[in-house]
């Protein structure tokens, strides 16, 4: 047997040497951490000078003889090994943080399923949190790489790594990453949030905003909470980039919050995403007390006049014009605004029904699953169970409340300037929780005056808030990205 292995090893060496000599590596960008590669690779200027590392792949994969395995086998040892390799053993031996995170995920699942708090996103977020905190599951683990001098190893060509003009070695994947690590690249690279925006655009009617352009001011005023929370976060010791990511919670727009956080503060993605979607679900709870506290009873009873009809031409020109204007003024907002308006153009053009339905349904649903699932998986115990998480939760409430207050206060001002033609309650819909915030304005208005129908009027500030939060995101990214 040993002779056969020796012959096979010799043949492997003979086949490997020509392959090593003929390998010509194309230059790539310099490695970011060259210091690490120096520890296990010799720097040379000529690929031909690399000394191949001979590996007996058959022997490498062999653990031992069958007889040896039988001799070493014991029932007690096998059971002990299974126990030590289990997640239960990990929790019992001190990994209590993982248990806490699992319990938190159970609470979020309860809120999503039983209380129906934003279930389409909170459910996959909670389940992603559950999976990533199950000890030893490795579902979010990054891949492990190694650099050796073999241009071909285990039948695969390595990726040449250069330090300037100097070839360091060839990189191979030693161990693949977890499933969610690869799906998370869609979040990390800023792909999923704009696709969500495309679906939102395909479902949004901008006619109320076009018919009543003053609604744009209410949507802008509702972004007050974003910048107020940003300033408070700075005072609490967060960096400007982190403060910007936290402040965007006030826009009540989950995809925007995720997009900004991946650009500015990826380490805070878990708590920010959970806070953003939790508060979006709590719009009917958070907003009404603020709306009543900042308005007079008589103003809440104001009945607004019918909106003018909007032509098809206006609806088609609007998304194109907004994309051009906003992208020229704030290029960093182009991915979000462009995707939002493209989806809306699918809807309003009337010639792309199939694309519109795909953006509204299949694309939106698939991306929503991947987005929530992978964002939840970033909420690992070591990063989530921090004092900063509590600060983020509190700042999120303040940002959301500040946004609602900003819209209502400007609504009061416009009410006086127009001689009572604008009901200030529609200002609260300036946060971009579409269409929930508009429904809250309608509900509170009808409680004061059953003959009041504010829904379509509130949709103007509501969709303006979507544009406003995207613009605010672009501002932060351009400043700190």
Protein backbone atom coordinates (compact mmCIF):
# COMPACT_ATOMS: atom_id res chain seq x y z
CA UNK A 1 0.00 0.00 0.00
CA UNK A 2 2.82 2.37 0.88
CA UNK A 3 4.52 1.66 -2.46
CA UNK A 4 1.34 2.48 -4.35
CA UNK A 5 0.99 5.74 -2.42
CA UNK A 6 4.60 6.61 -3.17
CA UNK A 7 4.09 6.05 -6.89
CA UNK A 8 0.91 8.15 -6.86
CA UNK A 9 2.68 10.90 -4.96
CA UNK A 10 5.52 10.90 -7.47
CA UNK A 11 3.05 11.13 -10.37
CA UNK A 12 1.26 14.00 -8.66
CA UNK A 13 4.56 15.82 -8.27
CA UNK A 14 5.47 15.31 -11.94
CA UNK A 15 2.08 16.65 -13.07
CA UNK A 16 2.13 19.57 -10.64
CA UNK A 17 5.60 20.89 -11.49
CA UNK A 18 4.85 21.74 -15.17
CA UNK A 19 1.59 23.39 -14.17
CA UNK A 20 3.44 25.54 -11.65
CA UNK A 21 6.04 26.54 -14.21
CA UNK A 22 3.50 27.46 -16.90
CA UNK A 23 1.21 29.49 -14.63
CA UNK A 24 1.18 33.16 -15.60
CA UNK A 25 -0.58 35.40 -13.11
CA UNK A 26 -2.43 38.56 -14.11
CA UNK A 27 -1.76 41.60 -11.89
CA UNK A 28 -4.44 42.51 -9.35
CA UNK A 29 -4.76 45.22 -6.81
CA UNK A 30 -2.32 45.08 -3.87
CA UNK A 31 -3.51 43.17 -0.83
CA UNK A 32 -4.79 45.36 1.96
CA UNK A 33 -2.97 43.54 4.75
CA UNK A 34 0.41 42.54 3.37
CA UNK A 35 1.87 42.09 6.84
CA UNK A 36 -0.21 38.96 7.40
CA UNK A 37 0.90 37.36 4.14
CA UNK A 38 4.59 37.78 4.97
CA UNK A 39 4.20 35.29 7.79
CA UNK A 40 3.56 32.34 5.51
CA UNK A 41 4.77 33.36 2.01
CA UNK A 42 8.17 34.29 0.58
CA UNK A 43 8.18 37.49 -1.44
CA UNK A 44 9.70 37.07 -4.90
CA UNK A 45 9.70 39.19 -8.03
CA UNK A 46 9.45 36.35 -10.55
CA UNK A 47 6.62 33.74 -10.43
CA UNK A 48 9.11 31.14 -11.64
CA UNK A 49 11.07 31.59 -8.41
CA UNK A 50 8.17 30.39 -6.27
CA UNK A 51 8.95 27.05 -4.68
CA UNK A 52 5.90 24.76 -4.96
CA UNK A 53 4.61 23.38 -1.70
CA UNK A 54 4.25 19.66 -2.29
CA UNK A 55 1.07 18.29 -0.78
CA UNK A 56 0.09 14.65 -0.86
CA UNK A 57 -3.63 15.30 -1.26
CA UNK A 58 -4.58 11.68 -0.71
CA UNK A 59 -2.56 11.48 2.46
CA UNK A 60 -3.83 14.89 3.52
CA UNK A 61 -7.42 13.70 3.43
CA UNK A 62 -6.66 10.43 5.25
CA UNK A 63 -7.41 10.46 8.95
CA UNK A 64 -6.01 7.04 9.73
CA UNK A 65 -6.47 3.39 9.03
CA UNK A 66 -9.74 1.59 9.65
CA UNK A 67 -8.06 -0.61 12.23
CA UNK A 68 -6.79 2.43 14.11
CA UNK A 69 -10.25 4.01 14.05
CA UNK A 70 -11.81 0.82 15.44
CA UNK A 71 -9.19 0.64 18.19
CA UNK A 72 -9.78 4.28 19.18
CA UNK A 73 -13.59 3.99 19.18
CA UNK A 74 -15.44 4.08 22.49
CA UNK A 75 -19.11 4.77 23.11
CA UNK A 76 -18.37 7.14 25.98
CA UNK A 77 -15.82 9.10 23.98
CA UNK A 78 -18.18 9.39 21.02
CA UNK A 79 -21.06 10.63 23.18
CA UNK A 80 -18.75 13.08 24.95
CA UNK A 81 -17.56 14.40 21.60
CA UNK A 82 -21.12 14.89 20.37
CA UNK A 83 -22.04 16.73 23.56
CA UNK A 84 -19.00 19.03 23.42
CA UNK A 85 -19.71 19.84 19.78
CA UNK A 86 -23.31 20.84 20.50
CA UNK A 87 -24.68 24.33 20.92
CA UNK A 88 -26.28 23.32 24.22
CA UNK A 89 -22.86 22.61 25.70
CA UNK A 90 -21.64 26.00 24.46
CA UNK A 91 -24.51 27.80 26.21
CA UNK A 92 -24.12 25.83 29.45
CA UNK A 93 -20.40 26.55 29.58
CA UNK A 94 -20.72 30.32 29.56
CA UNK A 95 -22.19 31.52 26.24
CA UNK A 96 -25.17 33.10 27.99
CA UNK A 97 -25.32 36.05 25.59
CA UNK A 98 -26.39 33.72 22.79
CA UNK A 99 -29.27 32.51 24.95
CA UNK A 100 -30.38 36.09 25.62
CA UNK A 101 -30.36 36.86 21.89
CA UNK A 102 -32.38 33.73 21.17
CA UNK A 103 -34.98 34.85 23.69
CA UNK A 104 -35.07 38.33 22.10
CA UNK A 105 -35.66 36.71 18.71
CA UNK A 106 -38.59 34.79 20.23
CA UNK A 107 -40.10 38.09 21.43
CA UNK A 108 -39.72 39.63 17.97
CA UNK A 109 -41.30 36.57 16.37
CA UNK A 110 -44.21 36.91 18.79
CA UNK A 111 -44.65 40.58 17.87
CA UNK A 112 -44.51 39.76 14.15
CA UNK A 113 -46.87 36.77 14.19
CA UNK A 114 -49.30 37.46 17.03
CA UNK A 115 -49.32 41.27 17.15
CA UNK A 116 -48.64 41.62 13.41
CA UNK A 117 -45.98 44.32 13.85
CA UNK A 118 -44.56 44.69 10.31
CA UNK A 119 -44.62 40.86 9.91
CA UNK A 120 -43.27 40.87 6.34
CA UNK A 121 -39.92 42.17 7.57
CA UNK A 122 -39.87 41.68 11.33
CA UNK A 123 -40.41 37.92 10.93
CA UNK A 124 -37.38 37.26 8.68
CA UNK A 125 -35.30 39.69 10.78
CA UNK A 126 -36.19 37.80 13.96
CA UNK A 127 -35.51 34.41 12.38
CA UNK A 128 -32.18 35.61 11.04
CA UNK A 129 -31.31 36.77 14.55
CA UNK A 130 -32.29 33.35 15.87
CA UNK A 131 -30.12 31.45 13.41
CA UNK A 132 -27.01 33.60 13.77
CA UNK A 133 -27.05 33.24 17.56
CA UNK A 134 -27.43 29.46 17.62
CA UNK A 135 -23.95 28.46 18.87
CA UNK A 136 -21.63 26.80 16.33
CA UNK A 137 -24.17 27.05 13.48
CA UNK A 138 -21.77 29.29 11.56
CA UNK A 139 -24.50 30.56 9.25
CA UNK A 140 -22.98 34.06 9.13
CA UNK A 141 -19.30 33.05 9.29
CA UNK A 142 -16.94 34.66 6.83
CA UNK A 143 -14.89 32.43 4.50
CA UNK A 144 -11.36 31.54 5.58
CA UNK A 145 -8.57 32.08 3.06
CA UNK A 146 -5.00 30.84 2.91
CA UNK A 147 -2.10 31.96 0.74
CA UNK A 148 0.43 29.42 -0.46
CA UNK A 149 2.97 29.34 -3.28
CA UNK A 150 1.17 26.69 -5.37
CA UNK A 151 -0.50 28.12 -8.46
CA UNK A 152 -2.71 25.00 -8.57
CA UNK A 153 -3.90 23.23 -5.44
CA UNK A 154 -6.44 20.43 -5.20
CA UNK A 155 -7.16 20.89 -8.88
CA UNK A 156 -8.08 24.57 -8.50
CA UNK A 157 -6.17 27.60 -9.72
CA UNK A 158 -5.30 30.10 -7.02
CA UNK A 159 -5.83 33.85 -7.16
CA UNK A 160 -2.44 35.58 -7.46
CA UNK A 161 -1.78 38.10 -4.68
CA UNK A 162 0.64 40.93 -5.38
CA UNK A 163 2.38 43.50 -3.21
CA UNK A 164 3.01 46.10 -5.90
CA UNK A 165 4.96 44.21 -8.56
CA UNK A 166 5.96 41.48 -6.13
CA UNK A 167 4.05 38.21 -6.18
CA UNK A 168 3.21 37.13 -2.67
CA UNK A 169 1.53 33.81 -3.45
CA UNK A 170 -1.78 32.30 -4.48
CA UNK A 171 -4.96 32.63 -2.46
CA UNK A 172 -7.34 29.72 -1.92
CA UNK A 173 -10.58 29.33 0.01
CA UNK A 174 -9.73 27.14 2.98
CA UNK A 175 -13.29 27.11 4.30
CA UNK A 176 -16.44 28.52 2.71
CA UNK A 177 -18.52 31.10 4.55
CA UNK A 178 -22.00 30.54 5.91
CA UNK A 179 -25.10 30.80 3.73
CA UNK A 180 -26.23 34.17 5.07
CA UNK A 181 -22.75 35.64 4.69
CA UNK A 182 -23.08 35.37 0.92
CA UNK A 183 -26.70 36.56 0.85
CA UNK A 184 -25.65 39.51 3.03
CA UNK A 185 -23.47 40.82 0.23
CA UNK A 186 -26.66 42.16 -1.37
CA UNK A 187 -27.10 44.36 1.71
CA UNK A 188 -23.42 45.20 2.14
CA UNK A 189 -23.03 46.25 -1.49
CA UNK A 190 -26.19 48.36 -1.39
CA UNK A 191 -28.21 46.20 -3.79
CA UNK A 192 -31.29 45.13 -1.83
CA UNK A 193 -32.55 48.52 -0.48
CA UNK A 194 -32.77 50.18 -3.94
CA UNK A 195 -34.61 47.12 -5.25
CA UNK A 196 -37.09 47.50 -2.38
CA UNK A 197 -37.48 51.13 -3.39
CA UNK A 198 -38.25 50.05 -6.94
CA UNK A 199 -41.11 47.93 -5.64
CA UNK A 200 -42.33 50.78 -3.42
CA UNK A 201 -42.30 53.11 -6.42
CA UNK A 202 -44.33 50.64 -8.46
CA UNK A 203 -47.01 50.69 -5.76
CA UNK A 204 -46.98 54.44 -5.05
CA UNK A 205 -49.35 57.05 -6.46
CA UNK A 206 -47.71 60.48 -6.48
CA UNK A 207 -50.91 62.18 -7.73
CA UNK A 208 -51.78 63.70 -4.30
CA UNK A 209 -48.32 65.27 -4.14
CA UNK A 210 -48.53 66.56 -7.72
CA UNK A 211 -52.02 67.98 -7.09
CA UNK A 212 -50.92 69.72 -3.89
CA UNK A 213 -47.19 70.58 -4.17
CA UNK A 214 -47.22 72.25 -0.76
CA UNK A 215 -47.28 68.71 0.63
CA UNK A 216 -43.60 68.53 -0.27
CA UNK A 217 -42.88 71.07 2.48
CA UNK A 218 -44.68 68.89 5.03
CA UNK A 219 -42.62 65.88 3.93
CA UNK A 220 -39.44 67.93 4.32
CA UNK A 221 -40.48 69.22 7.77
CA UNK A 222 -41.03 65.66 8.95
CA UNK A 223 -37.31 65.02 8.45
CA UNK A 224 -36.65 67.27 11.45
CA UNK A 225 -36.41 64.21 13.67
CA UNK A 226 -33.56 62.81 11.57
CA UNK A 227 -31.31 65.81 12.09
CA UNK A 228 -32.34 66.32 15.72
CA UNK A 229 -31.46 62.71 16.56
CA UNK A 230 -28.19 63.14 14.63
CA UNK A 231 -27.18 66.05 16.87
CA UNK A 232 -28.18 64.22 20.07
CA UNK A 233 -26.24 61.12 18.98
CA UNK A 234 -23.14 63.27 18.53
CA UNK A 235 -23.56 64.57 22.08
CA UNK A 236 -23.82 60.99 23.36
CA UNK A 237 -20.42 60.13 21.91
CA UNK A 238 -21.27 58.48 18.60
CA UNK A 239 -19.08 59.29 15.62
CA UNK A 240 -20.61 61.53 12.90
CA UNK A 241 -21.08 58.52 10.60
CA UNK A 242 -22.78 56.49 13.35
CA UNK A 243 -24.93 59.47 14.34
CA UNK A 244 -26.09 59.85 10.73
CA UNK A 245 -27.07 56.18 10.56
CA UNK A 246 -28.97 56.46 13.84
CA UNK A 247 -30.71 59.69 12.88
CA UNK A 248 -32.14 58.21 9.68
CA UNK A 249 -34.42 56.05 11.86
CA UNK A 250 -36.54 59.19 12.19
CA UNK A 251 -37.52 58.91 8.55
CA UNK A 252 -39.53 55.77 9.40
CA UNK A 253 -38.19 54.13 6.24
CA UNK A 254 -36.60 50.73 6.85
CA UNK A 255 -34.80 50.25 3.50
CA UNK A 256 -33.33 53.76 3.71
CA UNK A 257 -32.12 53.14 7.26
CA UNK A 258 -30.48 49.88 6.19
CA UNK A 259 -28.91 51.48 3.10
CA UNK A 260 -27.39 54.37 5.09
CA UNK A 261 -26.19 52.12 7.91
CA UNK A 262 -24.38 49.72 5.56
CA UNK A 263 -22.57 52.73 4.10
CA UNK A 264 -21.75 54.57 7.32
CA UNK A 265 -21.88 52.22 10.31
CA UNK A 266 -22.20 48.50 9.37
CA UNK A 267 -21.54 47.46 12.95
CA UNK A 268 -24.81 49.07 14.06
CA UNK A 269 -26.96 47.49 11.37
CA UNK A 270 -28.72 44.99 13.64
CA UNK A 271 -30.01 47.40 16.30
CA UNK A 272 -30.81 50.16 13.80
CA UNK A 273 -32.79 47.86 11.51
CA UNK A 274 -34.76 46.36 14.37
CA UNK A 275 -35.47 49.81 15.84
CA UNK A 276 -36.54 51.22 12.45
CA UNK A 277 -38.99 48.43 11.63
CA UNK A 278 -40.31 48.22 15.18
CA UNK A 279 -41.16 51.91 15.22
CA UNK A 280 -42.70 51.71 11.75
CA UNK A 281 -45.03 49.08 13.19
CA UNK A 282 -45.76 51.31 16.17
CA UNK A 283 -46.86 54.32 14.07
CA UNK A 284 -50.51 54.00 15.26
CA UNK A 285 -49.28 54.02 18.87
CA UNK A 286 -46.57 56.71 18.78
CA UNK A 287 -48.11 59.35 16.52
CA UNK A 288 -51.67 60.09 17.84
CA UNK A 289 -50.61 61.49 21.26
CA UNK A 290 -48.09 63.81 19.57
CA UNK A 291 -50.65 64.90 16.97
CA UNK A 292 -53.26 65.77 19.61
CA UNK A 293 -50.76 67.52 21.86
CA UNK A 294 -49.57 69.87 19.11
CA UNK A 295 -52.91 70.76 17.48
CA UNK A 296 -56.12 72.51 18.51
CA UNK A 297 -59.40 70.64 18.48
CA UNK A 298 -60.91 73.11 16.03
CA UNK A 299 -57.99 72.66 13.61
CA UNK A 300 -58.30 68.89 13.77
CA UNK A 301 -61.91 69.19 12.54
CA UNK A 302 -60.99 71.14 9.39
CA UNK A 303 -62.39 69.54 6.24
CA UNK A 304 -60.07 69.96 3.27
CA UNK A 305 -61.32 70.54 -0.27
CA UNK A 306 -61.18 68.04 -3.10
CA UNK A 307 -57.81 67.65 -4.83
CA UNK A 308 -57.62 68.57 -8.51
CA UNK A 309 -57.35 65.79 -11.12
CA UNK A 310 -53.81 64.93 -12.25
CA UNK A 311 -53.17 64.14 -15.91
CA UNK A 312 -51.29 61.10 -17.13
CA UNK A 313 -48.65 63.35 -18.68
CA UNK A 314 -47.94 64.91 -15.28
CA UNK A 315 -47.64 61.47 -13.69
CA UNK A 316 -45.10 60.37 -16.33
CA UNK A 317 -43.02 63.55 -16.24
CA UNK A 318 -42.89 63.65 -12.42
CA UNK A 319 -40.62 60.59 -11.78
CA UNK A 320 -38.28 61.60 -14.59
CA UNK A 321 -38.02 65.20 -13.38
CA UNK A 322 -37.49 64.22 -9.73
CA UNK A 323 -34.75 61.76 -10.69
CA UNK A 324 -32.88 64.34 -12.75
CA UNK A 325 -33.19 67.20 -10.25
CA UNK A 326 -32.37 65.22 -7.09
CA UNK A 327 -29.54 63.24 -8.70
CA UNK A 328 -27.91 66.40 -10.06
CA UNK A 329 -28.17 68.15 -6.71
CA UNK A 330 -27.27 65.13 -4.57
CA UNK A 331 -25.61 62.33 -6.56
CA UNK A 332 -25.29 60.03 -3.53
CA UNK A 333 -29.12 59.80 -3.38
CA UNK A 334 -29.36 58.63 -7.00
CA UNK A 335 -29.52 54.85 -6.27
CA UNK A 336 -32.54 55.23 -3.97
CA UNK A 337 -34.36 58.00 -5.83
CA UNK A 338 -33.62 56.47 -9.24
CA UNK A 339 -34.95 53.06 -8.23
CA UNK A 340 -38.04 54.58 -6.59
CA UNK A 341 -38.88 56.64 -9.64
CA UNK A 342 -38.16 53.85 -12.12
CA UNK A 343 -40.70 51.67 -10.32
CA UNK A 344 -43.20 54.52 -10.43
CA UNK A 345 -42.55 55.06 -14.14
CA UNK A 346 -43.33 51.36 -14.75
CA UNK A 347 -46.70 52.00 -13.09
CA UNK A 348 -47.64 55.32 -14.63
CA UNK A 349 -46.43 54.75 -18.20
CA UNK A 350 -49.06 52.06 -18.80
CA UNK A 351 -46.78 50.23 -21.26
CA UNK A 352 -44.80 48.07 -18.82
CA UNK A 353 -47.49 46.21 -16.89
CA UNK A 354 -45.44 43.03 -16.67
CA UNK A 355 -42.44 44.89 -15.24
CA UNK A 356 -44.70 46.80 -12.87
CA UNK A 357 -46.32 43.63 -11.54
CA UNK A 358 -42.91 41.96 -11.15
CA UNK A 359 -41.55 44.93 -9.18
CA UNK A 360 -44.69 45.01 -7.02
CA UNK A 361 -44.84 41.29 -6.28
CA UNK A 362 -42.14 38.75 -7.13
CA UNK A 363 -39.10 41.06 -6.95
CA UNK A 364 -40.38 42.89 -3.88
CA UNK A 365 -41.19 39.68 -2.01
CA UNK A 366 -37.92 37.91 -2.80
CA UNK A 367 -35.75 40.88 -1.89
CA UNK A 368 -37.77 41.49 1.28
CA UNK A 369 -37.05 37.95 2.45
CA UNK A 370 -33.32 38.20 1.72
CA UNK A 371 -33.06 41.69 3.20
CA UNK A 372 -34.79 40.87 6.47
CA UNK A 373 -33.16 37.47 6.85
CA UNK A 374 -29.60 38.75 6.41
CA UNK A 375 -30.06 41.98 8.37
CA UNK A 376 -31.34 39.96 11.32
CA UNK A 377 -28.29 37.72 11.06
CA UNK A 378 -26.03 40.72 11.76
CA UNK A 379 -27.53 41.02 15.27
CA UNK A 380 -24.97 38.82 16.98
CA UNK A 381 -24.77 38.73 20.74
CA UNK A 382 -21.31 40.32 20.97
CA UNK A 383 -22.36 43.39 18.99
CA UNK A 384 -26.04 43.66 19.93
CA UNK A 385 -25.86 43.33 23.73
CA UNK A 386 -24.13 46.66 24.27
CA UNK A 387 -25.02 49.92 26.00
CA UNK A 388 -25.00 51.53 22.54
CA UNK A 389 -28.01 49.41 21.56
CA UNK A 390 -30.11 50.95 24.34
CA UNK A 391 -29.00 54.41 23.22
CA UNK A 392 -30.00 53.60 19.64
CA UNK A 393 -33.46 52.39 20.73
CA UNK A 394 -34.06 55.60 22.74
CA UNK A 395 -32.70 57.84 19.98
CA UNK A 396 -34.90 56.02 17.47
CA UNK A 397 -38.03 56.91 19.46
CA UNK A 398 -36.85 60.51 19.76
CA UNK A 399 -36.11 60.70 16.03
CA UNK A 400 -39.48 59.28 15.09
CA UNK A 401 -41.35 61.52 17.52
CA UNK A 402 -39.36 64.54 16.33
CA UNK A 403 -40.25 63.80 12.71
CA UNK A 404 -43.94 63.58 13.56
CA UNK A 405 -43.74 66.82 15.55
CA UNK A 406 -41.93 68.64 12.75
CA UNK A 407 -44.62 67.77 10.22
CA UNK A 408 -47.46 68.72 12.54
CA UNK A 409 -45.87 72.04 13.54
CA UNK A 410 -45.44 73.07 9.91
CA UNK A 411 -49.01 71.92 9.34
CA UNK A 412 -50.13 74.37 12.04
CA UNK A 413 -48.23 77.17 10.33
CA UNK A 414 -49.68 76.38 6.90
CA UNK A 415 -53.14 76.16 8.45
CA UNK A 416 -52.84 79.77 9.64
CA UNK A 417 -51.21 81.01 6.42
CA UNK A 418 -53.96 79.50 4.25
CA UNK A 419 -56.80 80.74 6.45
CA UNK A 420 -57.73 77.28 7.74
CA UNK A 421 -57.69 75.41 4.46
CA UNK A 422 -55.11 72.84 5.59
CA UNK A 423 -55.73 70.38 8.41
CA UNK A 424 -52.46 70.21 10.41
CA UNK A 425 -52.99 66.50 11.08
CA UNK A 426 -51.76 65.64 7.58
CA UNK A 427 -48.30 66.93 8.58
CA UNK A 428 -47.75 63.82 10.70
CA UNK A 429 -47.87 61.72 7.52
CA UNK A 430 -44.63 63.36 6.39
CA UNK A 431 -42.70 60.44 7.84
CA UNK A 432 -42.33 57.89 5.09
CA UNK A 433 -44.16 54.96 6.65
CA UNK A 434 -46.35 54.47 3.56
CA UNK A 435 -49.34 54.24 3.80
CA UNK A 436 -49.64 53.64 7.52
CA UNK A 437 -48.86 57.23 8.56
CA UNK A 438 -51.51 58.57 6.15
CA UNK A 439 -54.05 56.15 7.61
CA UNK A 440 -53.25 57.42 11.11
CA UNK A 441 -53.94 60.99 9.95
CA UNK A 442 -57.25 59.82 8.51
CA UNK A 443 -58.19 57.94 11.68
CA UNK A 444 -57.41 60.79 14.08
CA UNK A 445 -59.20 63.27 11.81
CA UNK A 446 -62.34 61.12 11.68
CA UNK A 447 -62.32 60.75 15.46
CA UNK A 448 -62.63 64.54 15.70
CA UNK A 449 -65.01 64.92 12.74
CA UNK A 450 -66.69 61.79 11.30
CA UNK A 451 -67.31 63.65 8.02
CA UNK A 452 -63.60 64.28 7.56
CA UNK A 453 -61.70 62.33 4.87
CA UNK A 454 -58.00 63.18 5.01
CA UNK A 455 -56.50 60.03 3.51
CA UNK A 456 -55.74 61.34 0.01
CA UNK A 457 -54.57 64.69 1.39
CA UNK A 458 -52.27 62.89 3.83
CA UNK A 459 -50.84 60.70 1.03
CA UNK A 460 -49.19 63.83 -0.41
CA UNK A 461 -46.90 64.43 2.60
CA UNK A 462 -46.55 60.67 3.00
CA UNK A 463 -45.01 60.04 -0.41
CA UNK A 464 -43.07 63.32 -0.09
CA UNK A 465 -41.56 61.82 3.07
CA UNK A 466 -40.21 58.89 1.04
CA UNK A 467 -38.40 61.36 -1.21
CA UNK A 468 -37.32 63.42 1.82
CA UNK A 469 -35.80 60.48 3.68
CA UNK A 470 -33.89 59.43 0.55
CA UNK A 471 -32.54 62.97 0.20
CA UNK A 472 -31.54 63.03 3.90
CA UNK A 473 -29.78 59.70 3.35
CA UNK A 474 -27.90 61.19 0.42
CA UNK A 475 -26.84 64.16 2.56
CA UNK A 476 -25.37 61.94 5.27
CA UNK A 477 -23.64 59.65 2.79
CA UNK A 478 -22.10 62.58 0.92
CA UNK A 479 -20.89 64.10 4.22
CA UNK A 480 -19.59 61.01 6.02
CA UNK A 481 -19.53 58.16 3.48
